[in-house]
Amino acid sequence: MTAAHDYEDMHHLVDRLPRAGVRRLRVLVESDPELARFVAAPGSETVRRELSFIGLGASGRADVSERHDELLREGLDRPS
């Protein structure tokens, strides 16, 4: 089974569950420490995802955010 297949199977399973079953499934997911962080807070429609790789790069340049378009163009114009 591939991850894509598992994903589709889970969607179909949740679609077939009665409302009480969906609530029980949510309680199970919320009680699992590894999965709970992916459950949206009540009243929220989005799930907060951790982007731990943001800010890991250190270019040594202070103006990267101000000149990001220019720097990207420079990087794309260079031959690989």
PDB file of N, CA and C in Angstrom:
ATOM      1  N   MET A   1       0.831  -1.192   0.000  1.00  0.00           N
ATOM      2  CA  MET A   1       0.000   0.000   0.000  1.00  0.00           C
ATOM      3  C   MET A   1       0.868   1.246   0.000  1.00  0.00           C
ATOM      4  N   THR A   2       0.483   2.190  -0.793  1.00  0.00           N
ATOM      5  CA  THR A   2       1.230   3.444  -0.836  1.00  0.00           C
ATOM      6  C   THR A   2       0.579   4.457   0.095  1.00  0.00           C
ATOM      7  N   ALA A   3       1.314   5.514   0.386  1.00  0.00           N
ATOM      8  CA  ALA A   3       0.770   6.574   1.252  1.00  0.00           C
ATOM      9  C   ALA A   3      -0.452   7.204   0.594  1.00  0.00           C
ATOM     10  N   ALA A   4      -0.412   7.389  -0.723  1.00  0.00           N
ATOM     11  CA  ALA A   4      -1.551   7.982  -1.432  1.00  0.00           C
ATOM     12  C   ALA A   4      -2.775   7.086  -1.306  1.00  0.00           C
ATOM     13  N   HIS A   5      -2.557   5.773  -1.401  1.00  0.00           N
ATOM     14  CA  HIS A   5      -3.666   4.827  -1.277  1.00  0.00           C
ATOM     15  C   HIS A   5      -4.238   4.883   0.140  1.00  0.00           C
ATOM     16  N   ASP A   6      -3.365   4.901   1.148  1.00  0.00           N
ATOM     17  CA  ASP A   6      -3.812   5.004   2.539  1.00  0.00           C
ATOM     18  C   ASP A   6      -4.623   6.278   2.748  1.00  0.00           C
ATOM     19  N   TYR A   7      -4.154   7.367   2.163  1.00  0.00           N
ATOM     20  CA  TYR A   7      -4.818   8.661   2.305  1.00  0.00           C
ATOM     21  C   TYR A   7      -6.232   8.585   1.730  1.00  0.00           C
ATOM     22  N   GLU A   8      -6.358   8.028   0.538  1.00  0.00           N
ATOM     23  CA  GLU A   8      -7.676   7.898  -0.097  1.00  0.00           C
ATOM     24  C   GLU A   8      -8.579   6.983   0.722  1.00  0.00           C
ATOM     25  N   ASP A   9      -8.035   5.874   1.202  1.00  0.00           N
ATOM     26  CA  ASP A   9      -8.823   4.948   2.021  1.00  0.00           C
ATOM     27  C   ASP A   9      -9.355   5.636   3.276  1.00  0.00           C
ATOM     28  N   MET A  10      -8.504   6.437   3.924  1.00  0.00           N
ATOM     29  CA  MET A  10      -8.942   7.131   5.135  1.00  0.00           C
ATOM     30  C   MET A  10     -10.047   8.137   4.828  1.00  0.00           C
ATOM     31  N   HIS A  11      -9.934   8.830   3.706  1.00  0.00           N
ATOM     32  CA  HIS A  11     -10.992   9.777   3.327  1.00  0.00           C
ATOM     33  C   HIS A  11     -12.311   9.048   3.127  1.00  0.00           C
ATOM     34  N   HIS A  12     -12.267   7.929   2.429  1.00  0.00           N
ATOM     35  CA  HIS A  12     -13.497   7.167   2.190  1.00  0.00           C
ATOM     36  C   HIS A  12     -14.053   6.612   3.496  1.00  0.00           C
ATOM     37  N   LEU A  13     -13.185   6.160   4.382  1.00  0.00           N
ATOM     38  CA  LEU A  13     -13.623   5.643   5.673  1.00  0.00           C
ATOM     39  C   LEU A  13     -14.329   6.724   6.478  1.00  0.00           C
ATOM     40  N   VAL A  14     -13.713   7.887   6.583  1.00  0.00           N
ATOM     41  CA  VAL A  14     -14.318   8.981   7.357  1.00  0.00           C
ATOM     42  C   VAL A  14     -15.639   9.410   6.729  1.00  0.00           C
ATOM     43  N   ASP A  15     -15.712   9.421   5.401  1.00  0.00           N
ATOM     44  CA  ASP A  15     -16.958   9.784   4.726  1.00  0.00           C
ATOM     45  C   ASP A  15     -18.091   8.803   5.047  1.00  0.00           C
ATOM     46  N   ARG A  16     -17.748   7.545   5.292  1.00  0.00           N
ATOM     47  CA  ARG A  16     -18.768   6.526   5.569  1.00  0.00           C
ATOM     48  C   ARG A  16     -19.156   6.445   7.044  1.00  0.00           C
ATOM     49  N   LEU A  17     -18.366   7.020   7.922  1.00  0.00           N
ATOM     50  CA  LEU A  17     -18.660   6.941   9.357  1.00  0.00           C
ATOM     51  C   LEU A  17     -19.884   7.770   9.720  1.00  0.00           C
ATOM     52  N   PRO A  18     -20.670   7.266  10.679  1.00  0.00           N
ATOM     53  CA  PRO A  18     -21.757   8.116  11.203  1.00  0.00           C
ATOM     54  C   PRO A  18     -21.141   9.226  12.047  1.00  0.00           C
ATOM     55  N   ARG A  19     -21.926  10.258  12.348  1.00  0.00           N
ATOM     56  CA  ARG A  19     -21.411  11.402  13.113  1.00  0.00           C
ATOM     57  C   ARG A  19     -20.765  10.974  14.425  1.00  0.00           C
ATOM     58  N   ALA A  20     -21.389  10.041  15.125  1.00  0.00           N
ATOM     59  CA  ALA A  20     -20.829   9.580  16.400  1.00  0.00           C
ATOM     60  C   ALA A  20     -19.467   8.923  16.178  1.00  0.00           C
ATOM     61  N   GLY A  21     -19.322   8.205  15.077  1.00  0.00           N
ATOM     62  CA  GLY A  21     -18.048   7.567  14.764  1.00  0.00           C
ATOM     63  C   GLY A  21     -16.963   8.582  14.461  1.00  0.00           C
ATOM     64  N   VAL A  22     -17.320   9.662  13.784  1.00  0.00           N
ATOM     65  CA  VAL A  22     -16.354  10.720  13.479  1.00  0.00           C
ATOM     66  C   VAL A  22     -15.903  11.393  14.775  1.00  0.00           C
ATOM     67  N   ARG A  23     -16.859  11.624  15.692  1.00  0.00           N
ATOM     68  CA  ARG A  23     -16.502  12.226  16.983  1.00  0.00           C
ATOM     69  C   ARG A  23     -15.560  11.309  17.764  1.00  0.00           C
ATOM     70  N   ARG A  24     -15.834   9.998  17.758  1.00  0.00           N
ATOM     71  CA  ARG A  24     -14.960   9.046  18.460  1.00  0.00           C
ATOM     72  C   ARG A  24     -13.578   9.010  17.827  1.00  0.00           C
ATOM     73  N   LEU A  25     -13.524   9.065  16.502  1.00  0.00           N
ATOM     74  CA  LEU A  25     -12.237   9.074  15.813  1.00  0.00           C
ATOM     75  C   LEU A  25     -11.439  10.325  16.171  1.00  0.00           C
ATOM     76  N   ARG A  26     -12.123  11.450  16.240  1.00  0.00           N
ATOM     77  CA  ARG A  26     -11.442  12.696  16.615  1.00  0.00           C
ATOM     78  C   ARG A  26     -10.877  12.613  18.028  1.00  0.00           C
ATOM     79  N   VAL A  27     -11.643  12.033  18.956  1.00  0.00           N
ATOM     80  CA  VAL A  27     -11.168  11.878  20.332  1.00  0.00           C
ATOM     81  C   VAL A  27      -9.919  10.997  20.351  1.00  0.00           C
ATOM     82  N   LEU A  28      -9.925   9.928  19.564  1.00  0.00           N
ATOM     83  CA  LEU A  28      -8.757   9.052  19.495  1.00  0.00           C
ATOM     84  C   LEU A  28      -7.536   9.798  18.956  1.00  0.00           C
ATOM     85  N   VAL A  29      -7.729  10.566  17.908  1.00  0.00           N
ATOM     86  CA  VAL A  29      -6.614  11.315  17.321  1.00  0.00           C
ATOM     87  C   VAL A  29      -6.111  12.371  18.297  1.00  0.00           C
ATOM     88  N   GLU A  30      -7.025  13.077  18.947  1.00  0.00           N
ATOM     89  CA  GLU A  30      -6.621  14.112  19.902  1.00  0.00           C
ATOM     90  C   GLU A  30      -5.886  13.537  21.103  1.00  0.00           C
ATOM     91  N   SER A  31      -6.154  12.284  21.456  1.00  0.00           N
ATOM     92  CA  SER A  31      -5.505  11.683  22.618  1.00  0.00           C
ATOM     93  C   SER A  31      -4.146  11.079  22.287  1.00  0.00           C
ATOM     94  N   ASP A  32      -3.815  10.988  21.010  1.00  0.00           N
ATOM     95  CA  ASP A  32      -2.519  10.446  20.596  1.00  0.00           C
ATOM     96  C   ASP A  32      -1.508  11.593  20.523  1.00  0.00           C
ATOM     97  N   PRO A  33      -0.440  11.538  21.333  1.00  0.00           N
ATOM     98  CA  PRO A  33       0.532  12.645  21.369  1.00  0.00           C
ATOM     99  C   PRO A  33       1.161  12.960  20.007  1.00  0.00           C
ATOM    100  N   GLU A  34       1.340  11.967  19.174  1.00  0.00           N
ATOM    101  CA  GLU A  34       1.965  12.205  17.866  1.00  0.00           C
ATOM    102  C   GLU A  34       0.998  12.833  16.877  1.00  0.00           C
ATOM    103  N   LEU A  35      -0.289  12.573  17.030  1.00  0.00           N
ATOM    104  CA  LEU A  35      -1.274  13.072  16.069  1.00  0.00           C
ATOM    105  C   LEU A  35      -2.013  14.321  16.534  1.00  0.00           C
ATOM    106  N   ALA A  36      -2.066  14.540  17.834  1.00  0.00           N
ATOM    107  CA  ALA A  36      -2.869  15.644  18.379  1.00  0.00           C
ATOM    108  C   ALA A  36      -2.448  16.998  17.823  1.00  0.00           C
ATOM    109  N   ARG A  37      -1.168  17.178  17.535  1.00  0.00           N
ATOM    110  CA  ARG A  37      -0.721  18.488  17.047  1.00  0.00           C
ATOM    111  C   ARG A  37      -1.256  18.822  15.656  1.00  0.00           C
ATOM    112  N   PHE A  38      -1.815  17.830  14.956  1.00  0.00           N
ATOM    113  CA  PHE A  38      -2.358  18.069  13.626  1.00  0.00           C
ATOM    114  C   PHE A  38      -3.847  18.395  13.646  1.00  0.00           C
ATOM    115  N   VAL A  39      -4.468  18.306  14.811  1.00  0.00           N
ATOM    116  CA  VAL A  39      -5.894  18.571  14.939  1.00  0.00           C
ATOM    117  C   VAL A  39      -6.092  20.057  15.184  1.00  0.00           C
ATOM    118  N   ALA A  40      -6.974  20.668  14.408  1.00  0.00           N
ATOM    119  CA  ALA A  40      -7.249  22.102  14.569  1.00  0.00           C
ATOM    120  C   ALA A  40      -7.933  22.352  15.899  1.00  0.00           C
ATOM    121  N   ALA A  41      -7.631  23.489  16.487  1.00  0.00           N
ATOM    122  CA  ALA A  41      -8.276  23.882  17.739  1.00  0.00           C
ATOM    123  C   ALA A  41      -9.757  24.123  17.483  1.00  0.00           C
ATOM    124  N   PRO A  42     -10.602  23.915  18.480  1.00  0.00           N
ATOM    125  CA  PRO A  42     -12.035  24.169  18.294  1.00  0.00           C
ATOM    126  C   PRO A  42     -12.286  25.588  17.788  1.00  0.00           C
ATOM    127  N   GLY A  43     -13.108  25.695  16.750  1.00  0.00           N
ATOM    128  CA  GLY A  43     -13.418  26.995  16.170  1.00  0.00           C
ATOM    129  C   GLY A  43     -12.434  27.433  15.110  1.00  0.00           C
ATOM    130  N   SER A  44     -11.360  26.685  14.942  1.00  0.00           N
ATOM    131  CA  SER A  44     -10.346  27.019  13.943  1.00  0.00           C
ATOM    132  C   SER A  44     -10.499  26.082  12.758  1.00  0.00           C
ATOM    133  N   GLU A  45     -10.310  26.615  11.569  1.00  0.00           N
ATOM    134  CA  GLU A  45     -10.428  25.776  10.375  1.00  0.00           C
ATOM    135  C   GLU A  45      -9.076  25.353   9.837  1.00  0.00           C
ATOM    136  N   THR A  46      -8.006  25.892  10.348  1.00  0.00           N
ATOM    137  CA  THR A  46      -6.692  25.550   9.834  1.00  0.00           C
ATOM    138  C   THR A  46      -5.892  24.793  10.872  1.00  0.00           C
ATOM    139  N   VAL A  47      -4.998  23.971  10.386  1.00  0.00           N
ATOM    140  CA  VAL A  47      -4.110  23.213  11.255  1.00  0.00           C
ATOM    141  C   VAL A  47      -2.760  23.893  11.216  1.00  0.00           C
ATOM    142  N   ARG A  48      -2.206  24.170  12.381  1.00  0.00           N
ATOM    143  CA  ARG A  48      -0.891  24.797  12.460  1.00  0.00           C
ATOM    144  C   ARG A  48       0.162  23.738  12.163  1.00  0.00           C
ATOM    145  N   ARG A  49       0.991  24.011  11.207  1.00  0.00           N
ATOM    146  CA  ARG A  49       2.052  23.080  10.865  1.00  0.00           C
ATOM    147  C   ARG A  49       3.379  23.669  11.278  1.00  0.00           C
ATOM    148  N   GLU A  50       4.220  22.822  11.780  1.00  0.00           N
ATOM    149  CA  GLU A  50       5.528  23.283  12.206  1.00  0.00           C
ATOM    150  C   GLU A  50       6.481  23.315  11.022  1.00  0.00           C
ATOM    151  N   LEU A  51       7.074  24.446  10.795  1.00  0.00           N
ATOM    152  CA  LEU A  51       8.055  24.599   9.730  1.00  0.00           C
ATOM    153  C   LEU A  51       9.413  24.821  10.384  1.00  0.00           C
ATOM    154  N   SER A  52       9.941  23.757  10.915  1.00  0.00           N
ATOM    155  CA  SER A  52      11.162  23.871  11.694  1.00  0.00           C
ATOM    156  C   SER A  52      12.386  24.229  10.855  1.00  0.00           C
ATOM    157  N   PHE A  53      12.290  24.078   9.535  1.00  0.00           N
ATOM    158  CA  PHE A  53      13.444  24.381   8.696  1.00  0.00           C
ATOM    159  C   PHE A  53      13.559  25.868   8.393  1.00  0.00           C
ATOM    160  N   ILE A  54      12.528  26.653   8.670  1.00  0.00           N
ATOM    161  CA  ILE A  54      12.557  28.082   8.391  1.00  0.00           C
ATOM    162  C   ILE A  54      13.639  28.745   9.238  1.00  0.00           C
ATOM    163  N   GLY A  55      14.472  29.513   8.608  1.00  0.00           N
ATOM    164  CA  GLY A  55      15.498  30.257   9.307  1.00  0.00           C
ATOM    165  C   GLY A  55      16.778  29.480   9.549  1.00  0.00           C
ATOM    166  N   LEU A  56      16.864  28.264   9.036  1.00  0.00           N
ATOM    167  CA  LEU A  56      18.073  27.478   9.253  1.00  0.00           C
ATOM    168  C   LEU A  56      19.236  27.976   8.402  1.00  0.00           C
ATOM    169  N   GLY A  57      18.931  28.518   7.237  1.00  0.00           N
ATOM    170  CA  GLY A  57      19.996  28.992   6.363  1.00  0.00           C
ATOM    171  C   GLY A  57      20.566  30.312   6.852  1.00  0.00           C
ATOM    172  N   ALA A  58      21.838  30.445   6.762  1.00  0.00           N
ATOM    173  CA  ALA A  58      22.496  31.692   7.153  1.00  0.00           C
ATOM    174  C   ALA A  58      23.336  32.157   5.971  1.00  0.00           C
ATOM    175  N   SER A  59      22.858  33.176   5.293  1.00  0.00           N
ATOM    176  CA  SER A  59      23.558  33.648   4.107  1.00  0.00           C
ATOM    177  C   SER A  59      24.660  34.643   4.450  1.00  0.00           C
ATOM    178  N   GLY A  60      24.589  35.215   5.641  1.00  0.00           N
ATOM    179  CA  GLY A  60      25.551  36.240   6.011  1.00  0.00           C
ATOM    180  C   GLY A  60      25.182  37.609   5.460  1.00  0.00           C
ATOM    181  N   ARG A  61      24.034  37.680   4.802  1.00  0.00           N
ATOM    182  CA  ARG A  61      23.580  38.950   4.238  1.00  0.00           C
ATOM    183  C   ARG A  61      22.404  39.463   5.054  1.00  0.00           C
ATOM    184  N   ALA A  62      22.403  40.722   5.367  1.00  0.00           N
ATOM    185  CA  ALA A  62      21.342  41.316   6.175  1.00  0.00           C
ATOM    186  C   ALA A  62      20.149  41.754   5.338  1.00  0.00           C
ATOM    187  N   ASP A  63      20.325  41.868   4.014  1.00  0.00           N
ATOM    188  CA  ASP A  63      19.274  42.420   3.167  1.00  0.00           C
ATOM    189  C   ASP A  63      18.516  41.360   2.362  1.00  0.00           C
ATOM    190  N   VAL A  64      18.583  40.108   2.770  1.00  0.00           N
ATOM    191  CA  VAL A  64      17.977  39.025   1.995  1.00  0.00           C
ATOM    192  C   VAL A  64      16.473  39.211   1.848  1.00  0.00           C
ATOM    193  N   SER A  65      15.775  39.532   2.927  1.00  0.00           N
ATOM    194  CA  SER A  65      14.323  39.658   2.828  1.00  0.00           C
ATOM    195  C   SER A  65      13.914  40.854   1.976  1.00  0.00           C
ATOM    196  N   GLU A  66      14.699  41.905   1.987  1.00  0.00           N
ATOM    197  CA  GLU A  66      14.374  43.088   1.199  1.00  0.00           C
ATOM    198  C   GLU A  66      14.658  42.875  -0.286  1.00  0.00           C
ATOM    199  N   ARG A  67      15.660  42.048  -0.577  1.00  0.00           N
ATOM    200  CA  ARG A  67      16.073  41.857  -1.975  1.00  0.00           C
ATOM    201  C   ARG A  67      15.784  40.447  -2.477  1.00  0.00           C
ATOM    202  N   HIS A  68      14.807  39.740  -1.878  1.00  0.00           N
ATOM    203  CA  HIS A  68      14.592  38.341  -2.229  1.00  0.00           C
ATOM    204  C   HIS A  68      14.285  38.130  -3.707  1.00  0.00           C
ATOM    205  N   ASP A  69      13.481  39.002  -4.320  1.00  0.00           N
ATOM    206  CA  ASP A  69      13.168  38.841  -5.743  1.00  0.00           C
ATOM    207  C   ASP A  69      14.426  38.942  -6.593  1.00  0.00           C
ATOM    208  N   GLU A  70      15.220  39.946  -6.319  1.00  0.00           N
ATOM    209  CA  GLU A  70      16.461  40.148  -7.075  1.00  0.00           C
ATOM    210  C   GLU A  70      17.420  38.974  -6.887  1.00  0.00           C
ATOM    211  N   LEU A  71      17.558  38.506  -5.648  1.00  0.00           N
ATOM    212  CA  LEU A  71      18.462  37.399  -5.366  1.00  0.00           C
ATOM    213  C   LEU A  71      17.997  36.104  -6.036  1.00  0.00           C
ATOM    214  N   LEU A  72      16.690  35.876  -6.059  1.00  0.00           N
ATOM    215  CA  LEU A  72      16.165  34.697  -6.742  1.00  0.00           C
ATOM    216  C   LEU A  72      16.444  34.763  -8.241  1.00  0.00           C
ATOM    217  N   ARG A  73      16.218  35.939  -8.824  1.00  0.00           N
ATOM    218  CA  ARG A  73      16.506  36.095 -10.259  1.00  0.00           C
ATOM    219  C   ARG A  73      17.968  35.815 -10.550  1.00  0.00           C
ATOM    220  N   GLU A  74      18.853  36.334  -9.699  1.00  0.00           N
ATOM    221  CA  GLU A  74      20.294  36.091  -9.874  1.00  0.00           C
ATOM    222  C   GLU A  74      20.578  34.587  -9.803  1.00  0.00           C
ATOM    223  N   GLY A  75      19.981  33.932  -8.830  1.00  0.00           N
ATOM    224  CA  GLY A  75      20.211  32.499  -8.645  1.00  0.00           C
ATOM    225  C   GLY A  75      19.687  31.668  -9.795  1.00  0.00           C
ATOM    226  N   LEU A  76      18.559  32.069 -10.378  1.00  0.00           N
ATOM    227  CA  LEU A  76      17.978  31.313 -11.481  1.00  0.00           C
ATOM    228  C   LEU A  76      18.711  31.564 -12.796  1.00  0.00           C
ATOM    229  N   ASP A  77      19.344  32.707 -12.931  1.00  0.00           N
ATOM    230  CA  ASP A  77      20.073  33.028 -14.160  1.00  0.00           C
ATOM    231  C   ASP A  77      21.437  32.332 -14.239  1.00  0.00           C
ATOM    232  N   ARG A  78      21.954  31.911 -13.091  1.00  0.00           N
ATOM    233  CA  ARG A  78      23.265  31.254 -13.081  1.00  0.00           C
ATOM    234  C   ARG A  78      23.168  29.858 -13.660  1.00  0.00           C
ATOM    235  N   PRO A  79      24.136  29.480 -14.488  1.00  0.00           N
ATOM    236  CA  PRO A  79      24.118  28.099 -14.992  1.00  0.00           C
ATOM    237  C   PRO A  79      24.433  27.134 -13.858  1.00  0.00           C
ATOM    238  N   SER A  80      23.791  25.976 -13.894  1.00  0.00           N
ATOM    239  CA  SER A  80      24.002  24.958 -12.842  1.00  0.00           C
ATOM    240  C   SER A  80      25.263  24.187 -13.078  1.00  0.00           C
TER     241      SER A  80
END
